[in-house]
Amino acid sequence: MKADLHPKNYRLVVFKDMSNDYSFITKSCIDTKESIKWEDGNEYPLVKLEISHTSHPFYTGKMKLVDTAGRIDKFRSRYAKK
């Protein structure tokens, strides 16, 4: 293998989903200024996420419903032939 191919700062990092407080730890080389104490007692860099696999509608099966019935009725009443 080639020498010096991988980044030097490849380390364990905690990713935290802020919408449901789910956290997981994995290796990454992302830069962050925050840190968090993990369950094992060690302190790791922290990356805050807006959405993860535990809160994304595609993975959870909980799609947001939009009130389209009201819009369709409004459209039909506005453009109905008189």
PDB file of N, CA and C in Angstrom:
ATOM      1  N   MET A   1       0.831  -1.186   0.000  1.00  0.00           N
ATOM      2  CA  MET A   1       0.000   0.000   0.000  1.00  0.00           C
ATOM      3  C   MET A   1       0.875   1.248   0.000  1.00  0.00           C
ATOM      4  N   LYS A   2       0.305   2.321  -0.498  1.00  0.00           N
ATOM      5  CA  LYS A   2       1.036   3.576  -0.556  1.00  0.00           C
ATOM      6  C   LYS A   2       1.136   4.197   0.833  1.00  0.00           C
ATOM      7  N   ALA A   3       2.269   4.782   1.097  1.00  0.00           N
ATOM      8  CA  ALA A   3       2.475   5.460   2.378  1.00  0.00           C
ATOM      9  C   ALA A   3       1.773   6.817   2.357  1.00  0.00           C
ATOM     10  N   ASP A   4       1.273   7.252   3.508  1.00  0.00           N
ATOM     11  CA  ASP A   4       0.619   8.557   3.682  1.00  0.00           C
ATOM     12  C   ASP A   4      -0.581   8.745   2.752  1.00  0.00           C
ATOM     13  N   LEU A   5      -1.333   7.670   2.541  1.00  0.00           N
ATOM     14  CA  LEU A   5      -2.510   7.747   1.683  1.00  0.00           C
ATOM     15  C   LEU A   5      -3.741   8.227   2.455  1.00  0.00           C
ATOM     16  N   HIS A   6      -3.875   7.797   3.691  1.00  0.00           N
ATOM     17  CA  HIS A   6      -5.033   8.152   4.499  1.00  0.00           C
ATOM     18  C   HIS A   6      -4.756   9.384   5.354  1.00  0.00           C
ATOM     19  N   PRO A   7      -5.802  10.131   5.716  1.00  0.00           N
ATOM     20  CA  PRO A   7      -5.609  11.324   6.549  1.00  0.00           C
ATOM     21  C   PRO A   7      -5.054  10.969   7.924  1.00  0.00           C
ATOM     22  N   LYS A   8      -4.335  11.891   8.499  1.00  0.00           N
ATOM     23  CA  LYS A   8      -3.719  11.683   9.819  1.00  0.00           C
ATOM     24  C   LYS A   8      -4.749  11.776  10.944  1.00  0.00           C
ATOM     25  N   ASN A   9      -5.813  12.547  10.748  1.00  0.00           N
ATOM     26  CA  ASN A   9      -6.772  12.771  11.829  1.00  0.00           C
ATOM     27  C   ASN A   9      -7.973  11.817  11.750  1.00  0.00           C
ATOM     28  N   TYR A  10      -7.809  10.636  11.218  1.00  0.00           N
ATOM     29  CA  TYR A  10      -8.870   9.630  11.156  1.00  0.00           C
ATOM     30  C   TYR A  10      -9.027   9.032  12.544  1.00  0.00           C
ATOM     31  N   ARG A  11     -10.188   9.306  13.196  1.00  0.00           N
ATOM     32  CA  ARG A  11     -10.370   8.926  14.586  1.00  0.00           C
ATOM     33  C   ARG A  11     -11.845   8.642  14.853  1.00  0.00           C
ATOM     34  N   LEU A  12     -12.165   8.199  16.060  1.00  0.00           N
ATOM     35  CA  LEU A  12     -13.546   7.969  16.454  1.00  0.00           C
ATOM     36  C   LEU A  12     -14.236   9.313  16.689  1.00  0.00           C
ATOM     37  N   VAL A  13     -15.445   9.449  16.155  1.00  0.00           N
ATOM     38  CA  VAL A  13     -16.225  10.677  16.274  1.00  0.00           C
ATOM     39  C   VAL A  13     -17.657  10.291  16.620  1.00  0.00           C
ATOM     40  N   VAL A  14     -18.310  11.070  17.479  1.00  0.00           N
ATOM     41  CA  VAL A  14     -19.706  10.854  17.843  1.00  0.00           C
ATOM     42  C   VAL A  14     -20.571  11.754  16.972  1.00  0.00           C
ATOM     43  N   PHE A  15     -21.587  11.157  16.328  1.00  0.00           N
ATOM     44  CA  PHE A  15     -22.573  11.888  15.553  1.00  0.00           C
ATOM     45  C   PHE A  15     -23.879  11.858  16.333  1.00  0.00           C
ATOM     46  N   LYS A  16     -24.488  13.044  16.527  1.00  0.00           N
ATOM     47  CA  LYS A  16     -25.708  13.141  17.327  1.00  0.00           C
ATOM     48  C   LYS A  16     -26.825  13.769  16.507  1.00  0.00           C
ATOM     49  N   ASP A  17     -27.946  13.045  16.398  1.00  0.00           N
ATOM     50  CA  ASP A  17     -29.134  13.540  15.725  1.00  0.00           C
ATOM     51  C   ASP A  17     -29.858  14.458  16.705  1.00  0.00           C
ATOM     52  N   MET A  18     -29.956  15.732  16.384  1.00  0.00           N
ATOM     53  CA  MET A  18     -30.523  16.706  17.308  1.00  0.00           C
ATOM     54  C   MET A  18     -32.053  16.640  17.365  1.00  0.00           C
ATOM     55  N   SER A  19     -32.693  16.002  16.386  1.00  0.00           N
ATOM     56  CA  SER A  19     -34.152  15.943  16.406  1.00  0.00           C
ATOM     57  C   SER A  19     -34.683  14.890  17.369  1.00  0.00           C
ATOM     58  N   ASN A  20     -33.887  13.850  17.676  1.00  0.00           N
ATOM     59  CA  ASN A  20     -34.367  12.824  18.609  1.00  0.00           C
ATOM     60  C   ASN A  20     -33.295  12.362  19.597  1.00  0.00           C
ATOM     61  N   ASP A  21     -32.189  13.069  19.693  1.00  0.00           N
ATOM     62  CA  ASP A  21     -31.088  12.792  20.630  1.00  0.00           C
ATOM     63  C   ASP A  21     -30.473  11.409  20.464  1.00  0.00           C
ATOM     64  N   TYR A  22     -30.517  10.838  19.270  1.00  0.00           N
ATOM     65  CA  TYR A  22     -29.863   9.565  18.985  1.00  0.00           C
ATOM     66  C   TYR A  22     -28.405   9.839  18.648  1.00  0.00           C
ATOM     67  N   SER A  23     -27.498   9.097  19.253  1.00  0.00           N
ATOM     68  CA  SER A  23     -26.066   9.261  19.004  1.00  0.00           C
ATOM     69  C   SER A  23     -25.447   7.944  18.598  1.00  0.00           C
ATOM     70  N   PHE A  24     -24.446   8.030  17.726  1.00  0.00           N
ATOM     71  CA  PHE A  24     -23.671   6.854  17.356  1.00  0.00           C
ATOM     72  C   PHE A  24     -22.230   7.266  17.136  1.00  0.00           C
ATOM     73  N   ILE A  25     -21.339   6.314  17.290  1.00  0.00           N
ATOM     74  CA  ILE A  25     -19.914   6.584  17.189  1.00  0.00           C
ATOM     75  C   ILE A  25     -19.358   5.796  16.002  1.00  0.00           C
ATOM     76  N   THR A  26     -18.531   6.460  15.226  1.00  0.00           N
ATOM     77  CA  THR A  26     -17.894   5.836  14.073  1.00  0.00           C
ATOM     78  C   THR A  26     -16.605   6.591  13.769  1.00  0.00           C
ATOM     79  N   LYS A  27     -15.819   6.048  12.871  1.00  0.00           N
ATOM     80  CA  LYS A  27     -14.561   6.712  12.514  1.00  0.00           C
ATOM     81  C   LYS A  27     -14.803   7.744  11.428  1.00  0.00           C
ATOM     82  N   SER A  28     -14.128   8.877  11.565  1.00  0.00           N
ATOM     83  CA  SER A  28     -14.260   9.959  10.605  1.00  0.00           C
ATOM     84  C   SER A  28     -13.063  10.887  10.736  1.00  0.00           C
ATOM     85  N   CYS A  29     -12.865  11.727   9.739  1.00  0.00           N
ATOM     86  CA  CYS A  29     -11.808  12.734   9.818  1.00  0.00           C
ATOM     87  C   CYS A  29     -12.394  14.140   9.745  1.00  0.00           C
ATOM     88  N   ILE A  30     -13.695  14.274  10.054  1.00  0.00           N
ATOM     89  CA  ILE A  30     -14.358  15.570  10.037  1.00  0.00           C
ATOM     90  C   ILE A  30     -13.819  16.447  11.167  1.00  0.00           C
ATOM     91  N   ASP A  31     -13.671  17.737  10.879  1.00  0.00           N
ATOM     92  CA  ASP A  31     -13.194  18.686  11.889  1.00  0.00           C
ATOM     93  C   ASP A  31     -14.376  19.220  12.684  1.00  0.00           C
ATOM     94  N   THR A  32     -14.221  19.300  13.979  1.00  0.00           N
ATOM     95  CA  THR A  32     -15.270  19.818  14.847  1.00  0.00           C
ATOM     96  C   THR A  32     -14.639  20.498  16.052  1.00  0.00           C
ATOM     97  N   LYS A  33     -15.360  21.453  16.619  1.00  0.00           N
ATOM     98  CA  LYS A  33     -14.868  22.184  17.784  1.00  0.00           C
ATOM     99  C   LYS A  33     -15.488  21.683  19.079  1.00  0.00           C
ATOM    100  N   GLU A  34     -16.568  20.895  18.966  1.00  0.00           N
ATOM    101  CA  GLU A  34     -17.256  20.400  20.156  1.00  0.00           C
ATOM    102  C   GLU A  34     -16.825  18.980  20.478  1.00  0.00           C
ATOM    103  N   SER A  35     -17.011  18.615  21.735  1.00  0.00           N
ATOM    104  CA  SER A  35     -16.714  17.246  22.157  1.00  0.00           C
ATOM    105  C   SER A  35     -17.783  16.802  23.153  1.00  0.00           C
ATOM    106  N   ILE A  36     -17.868  15.494  23.343  1.00  0.00           N
ATOM    107  CA  ILE A  36     -18.876  14.914  24.224  1.00  0.00           C
ATOM    108  C   ILE A  36     -18.269  13.716  24.934  1.00  0.00           C
ATOM    109  N   LYS A  37     -18.733  13.479  26.158  1.00  0.00           N
ATOM    110  CA  LYS A  37     -18.290  12.311  26.908  1.00  0.00           C
ATOM    111  C   LYS A  37     -19.185  11.142  26.518  1.00  0.00           C
ATOM    112  N   TRP A  38     -18.611  10.077  26.005  1.00  0.00           N
ATOM    113  CA  TRP A  38     -19.355   8.917  25.514  1.00  0.00           C
ATOM    114  C   TRP A  38     -19.625   7.948  26.648  1.00  0.00           C
ATOM    115  N   GLU A  39     -20.391   6.905  26.393  1.00  0.00           N
ATOM    116  CA  GLU A  39     -20.807   5.935  27.402  1.00  0.00           C
ATOM    117  C   GLU A  39     -19.638   5.193  28.037  1.00  0.00           C
ATOM    118  N   ASP A  40     -18.523   5.084  27.324  1.00  0.00           N
ATOM    119  CA  ASP A  40     -17.363   4.371  27.865  1.00  0.00           C
ATOM    120  C   ASP A  40     -16.491   5.254  28.753  1.00  0.00           C
ATOM    121  N   GLY A  41     -16.885   6.526  28.934  1.00  0.00           N
ATOM    122  CA  GLY A  41     -16.148   7.432  29.797  1.00  0.00           C
ATOM    123  C   GLY A  41     -15.123   8.275  29.074  1.00  0.00           C
ATOM    124  N   ASN A  42     -14.841   7.988  27.824  1.00  0.00           N
ATOM    125  CA  ASN A  42     -13.876   8.766  27.046  1.00  0.00           C
ATOM    126  C   ASN A  42     -14.567   9.943  26.373  1.00  0.00           C
ATOM    127  N   GLU A  43     -13.779  10.950  26.043  1.00  0.00           N
ATOM    128  CA  GLU A  43     -14.294  12.138  25.383  1.00  0.00           C
ATOM    129  C   GLU A  43     -13.938  12.080  23.900  1.00  0.00           C
ATOM    130  N   TYR A  44     -14.951  12.306  23.056  1.00  0.00           N
ATOM    131  CA  TYR A  44     -14.777  12.230  21.609  1.00  0.00           C
ATOM    132  C   TYR A  44     -15.289  13.510  20.961  1.00  0.00           C
ATOM    133  N   PRO A  45     -14.789  13.840  19.751  1.00  0.00           N
ATOM    134  CA  PRO A  45     -15.334  14.976  19.012  1.00  0.00           C
ATOM    135  C   PRO A  45     -16.809  14.733  18.683  1.00  0.00           C
ATOM    136  N   LEU A  46     -17.594  15.802  18.651  1.00  0.00           N
ATOM    137  CA  LEU A  46     -19.034  15.718  18.431  1.00  0.00           C
ATOM    138  C   LEU A  46     -19.421  16.439  17.158  1.00  0.00           C
ATOM    139  N   VAL A  47     -20.253  15.769  16.338  1.00  0.00           N
ATOM    140  CA  VAL A  47     -20.836  16.376  15.148  1.00  0.00           C
ATOM    141  C   VAL A  47     -22.342  16.314  15.316  1.00  0.00           C
ATOM    142  N   LYS A  48     -23.000  17.462  15.229  1.00  0.00           N
ATOM    143  CA  LYS A  48     -24.451  17.533  15.385  1.00  0.00           C
ATOM    144  C   LYS A  48     -25.112  17.428  14.011  1.00  0.00           C
ATOM    145  N   LEU A  49     -26.088  16.528  13.917  1.00  0.00           N
ATOM    146  CA  LEU A  49     -26.812  16.298  12.674  1.00  0.00           C
ATOM    147  C   LEU A  49     -28.249  16.779  12.801  1.00  0.00           C
ATOM    148  N   GLU A  50     -28.826  17.252  11.709  1.00  0.00           N
ATOM    149  CA  GLU A  50     -30.235  17.629  11.711  1.00  0.00           C
ATOM    150  C   GLU A  50     -31.118  16.409  11.536  1.00  0.00           C
ATOM    151  N   ILE A  51     -30.620  15.410  10.814  1.00  0.00           N
ATOM    152  CA  ILE A  51     -31.428  14.236  10.511  1.00  0.00           C
ATOM    153  C   ILE A  51     -30.508  13.034  10.336  1.00  0.00           C
ATOM    154  N   SER A  52     -30.968  11.874  10.774  1.00  0.00           N
ATOM    155  CA  SER A  52     -30.201  10.643  10.615  1.00  0.00           C
ATOM    156  C   SER A  52     -31.150   9.526  10.208  1.00  0.00           C
ATOM    157  N   HIS A  53     -30.659   8.316  10.184  1.00  0.00           N
ATOM    158  CA  HIS A  53     -31.507   7.195   9.784  1.00  0.00           C
ATOM    159  C   HIS A  53     -32.624   6.923  10.794  1.00  0.00           C
ATOM    160  N   THR A  54     -32.505   7.427  12.012  1.00  0.00           N
ATOM    161  CA  THR A  54     -33.548   7.206  13.009  1.00  0.00           C
ATOM    162  C   THR A  54     -34.663   8.245  12.941  1.00  0.00           C
ATOM    163  N   SER A  55     -34.441   9.344  12.216  1.00  0.00           N
ATOM    164  CA  SER A  55     -35.469  10.372  12.131  1.00  0.00           C
ATOM    165  C   SER A  55     -35.891  10.692  10.698  1.00  0.00           C
ATOM    166  N   HIS A  56     -35.224  10.125   9.703  1.00  0.00           N
ATOM    167  CA  HIS A  56     -35.566  10.401   8.308  1.00  0.00           C
ATOM    168  C   HIS A  56     -36.860   9.677   7.941  1.00  0.00           C
ATOM    169  N   PRO A  57     -37.813  10.365   7.315  1.00  0.00           N
ATOM    170  CA  PRO A  57     -39.105   9.746   6.991  1.00  0.00           C
ATOM    171  C   PRO A  57     -38.997   8.505   6.113  1.00  0.00           C
ATOM    172  N   PHE A  58     -38.008   8.449   5.233  1.00  0.00           N
ATOM    173  CA  PHE A  58     -37.869   7.282   4.359  1.00  0.00           C
ATOM    174  C   PHE A  58     -37.548   6.030   5.166  1.00  0.00           C
ATOM    175  N   TYR A  59     -36.682   6.154   6.153  1.00  0.00           N
ATOM    176  CA  TYR A  59     -36.267   4.998   6.941  1.00  0.00           C
ATOM    177  C   TYR A  59     -37.254   4.658   8.060  1.00  0.00           C
ATOM    178  N   THR A  60     -37.953   5.653   8.572  1.00  0.00           N
ATOM    179  CA  THR A  60     -38.890   5.401   9.671  1.00  0.00           C
ATOM    180  C   THR A  60     -40.264   4.987   9.175  1.00  0.00           C
ATOM    181  N   GLY A  61     -40.588   5.287   7.922  1.00  0.00           N
ATOM    182  CA  GLY A  61     -41.900   4.963   7.377  1.00  0.00           C
ATOM    183  C   GLY A  61     -42.978   5.942   7.780  1.00  0.00           C
ATOM    184  N   LYS A  62     -42.616   7.010   8.432  1.00  0.00           N
ATOM    185  CA  LYS A  62     -43.571   8.025   8.872  1.00  0.00           C
ATOM    186  C   LYS A  62     -43.430   9.246   7.973  1.00  0.00           C
ATOM    187  N   MET A  63     -44.135   9.212   6.871  1.00  0.00           N
ATOM    188  CA  MET A  63     -44.082  10.326   5.934  1.00  0.00           C
ATOM    189  C   MET A  63     -44.979  11.452   6.442  1.00  0.00           C
ATOM    190  N   LYS A  64     -44.590  12.671   6.179  1.00  0.00           N
ATOM    191  CA  LYS A  64     -45.411  13.812   6.562  1.00  0.00           C
ATOM    192  C   LYS A  64     -46.541  13.949   5.562  1.00  0.00           C
ATOM    193  N   LEU A  65     -47.752  14.026   6.069  1.00  0.00           N
ATOM    194  CA  LEU A  65     -48.910  14.175   5.213  1.00  0.00           C
ATOM    195  C   LEU A  65     -49.199  15.653   4.997  1.00  0.00           C
ATOM    196  N   VAL A  66     -49.450  15.991   3.750  1.00  0.00           N
ATOM    197  CA  VAL A  66     -49.774  17.363   3.395  1.00  0.00           C
ATOM    198  C   VAL A  66     -51.254  17.421   3.087  1.00  0.00           C
ATOM    199  N   ASP A  67     -51.913  18.466   3.529  1.00  0.00           N
ATOM    200  CA  ASP A  67     -53.345  18.608   3.305  1.00  0.00           C
ATOM    201  C   ASP A  67     -53.593  18.998   1.850  1.00  0.00           C
ATOM    202  N   THR A  68     -53.627  17.995   0.973  1.00  0.00           N
ATOM    203  CA  THR A  68     -53.860  18.272  -0.439  1.00  0.00           C
ATOM    204  C   THR A  68     -55.345  18.319  -0.760  1.00  0.00           C
ATOM    205  N   ALA A  69     -56.165  17.684   0.044  1.00  0.00           N
ATOM    206  CA  ALA A  69     -57.606  17.677  -0.229  1.00  0.00           C
ATOM    207  C   ALA A  69     -58.163  19.088  -0.200  1.00  0.00           C
ATOM    208  N   GLY A  70     -57.759  19.872   0.754  1.00  0.00           N
ATOM    209  CA  GLY A  70     -58.228  21.251   0.835  1.00  0.00           C
ATOM    210  C   GLY A  70     -57.774  22.072  -0.353  1.00  0.00           C
ATOM    211  N   ARG A  71     -56.585  21.855  -0.810  1.00  0.00           N
ATOM    212  CA  ARG A  71     -56.058  22.590  -1.960  1.00  0.00           C
ATOM    213  C   ARG A  71     -56.759  22.185  -3.245  1.00  0.00           C
ATOM    214  N   ILE A  72     -57.017  20.890  -3.386  1.00  0.00           N
ATOM    215  CA  ILE A  72     -57.684  20.407  -4.602  1.00  0.00           C
ATOM    216  C   ILE A  72     -59.095  20.939  -4.678  1.00  0.00           C
ATOM    217  N   ASP A  73     -59.828  20.894  -3.567  1.00  0.00           N
ATOM    218  CA  ASP A  73     -61.192  21.430  -3.544  1.00  0.00           C
ATOM    219  C   ASP A  73     -61.207  22.922  -3.848  1.00  0.00           C
ATOM    220  N   LYS A  74     -60.247  23.628  -3.315  1.00  0.00           N
ATOM    221  CA  LYS A  74     -60.141  25.062  -3.566  1.00  0.00           C
ATOM    222  C   LYS A  74     -59.888  25.331  -5.052  1.00  0.00           C
ATOM    223  N   PHE A  75     -58.995  24.529  -5.645  1.00  0.00           N
ATOM    224  CA  PHE A  75     -58.686  24.677  -7.064  1.00  0.00           C
ATOM    225  C   PHE A  75     -59.911  24.383  -7.919  1.00  0.00           C
ATOM    226  N   ARG A  76     -60.612  23.300  -7.615  1.00  0.00           N
ATOM    227  CA  ARG A  76     -61.789  22.913  -8.388  1.00  0.00           C
ATOM    228  C   ARG A  76     -62.898  23.959  -8.280  1.00  0.00           C
ATOM    229  N   SER A  77     -63.092  24.496  -7.090  1.00  0.00           N
ATOM    230  CA  SER A  77     -64.147  25.499  -6.940  1.00  0.00           C
ATOM    231  C   SER A  77     -63.775  26.806  -7.653  1.00  0.00           C
ATOM    232  N   ARG A  78     -62.514  27.101  -7.700  1.00  0.00           N
ATOM    233  CA  ARG A  78     -62.086  28.339  -8.355  1.00  0.00           C
ATOM    234  C   ARG A  78     -62.199  28.237  -9.875  1.00  0.00           C
ATOM    235  N   TYR A  79     -61.818  27.093 -10.431  1.00  0.00           N
ATOM    236  CA  TYR A  79     -61.759  26.951 -11.883  1.00  0.00           C
ATOM    237  C   TYR A  79     -62.858  26.039 -12.440  1.00  0.00           C
ATOM    238  N   ALA A  80     -63.903  25.825 -11.699  1.00  0.00           N
ATOM    239  CA  ALA A  80     -65.011  24.996 -12.193  1.00  0.00           C
ATOM    240  C   ALA A  80     -65.747  25.744 -13.301  1.00  0.00           C
ATOM    241  N   LYS A  81     -66.216  24.977 -14.299  1.00  0.00           N
ATOM    242  CA  LYS A  81     -66.988  25.597 -15.379  1.00  0.00           C
ATOM    243  C   LYS A  81     -68.344  26.013 -14.861  1.00  0.00           C
ATOM    244  N   LYS A  82     -68.734  27.205 -15.186  1.00  0.00           N
ATOM    245  CA  LYS A  82     -69.998  27.747 -14.679  1.00  0.00           C
ATOM    246  C   LYS A  82     -71.040  27.772 -15.756  1.00  0.00           C
TER     247      LYS A  82
END
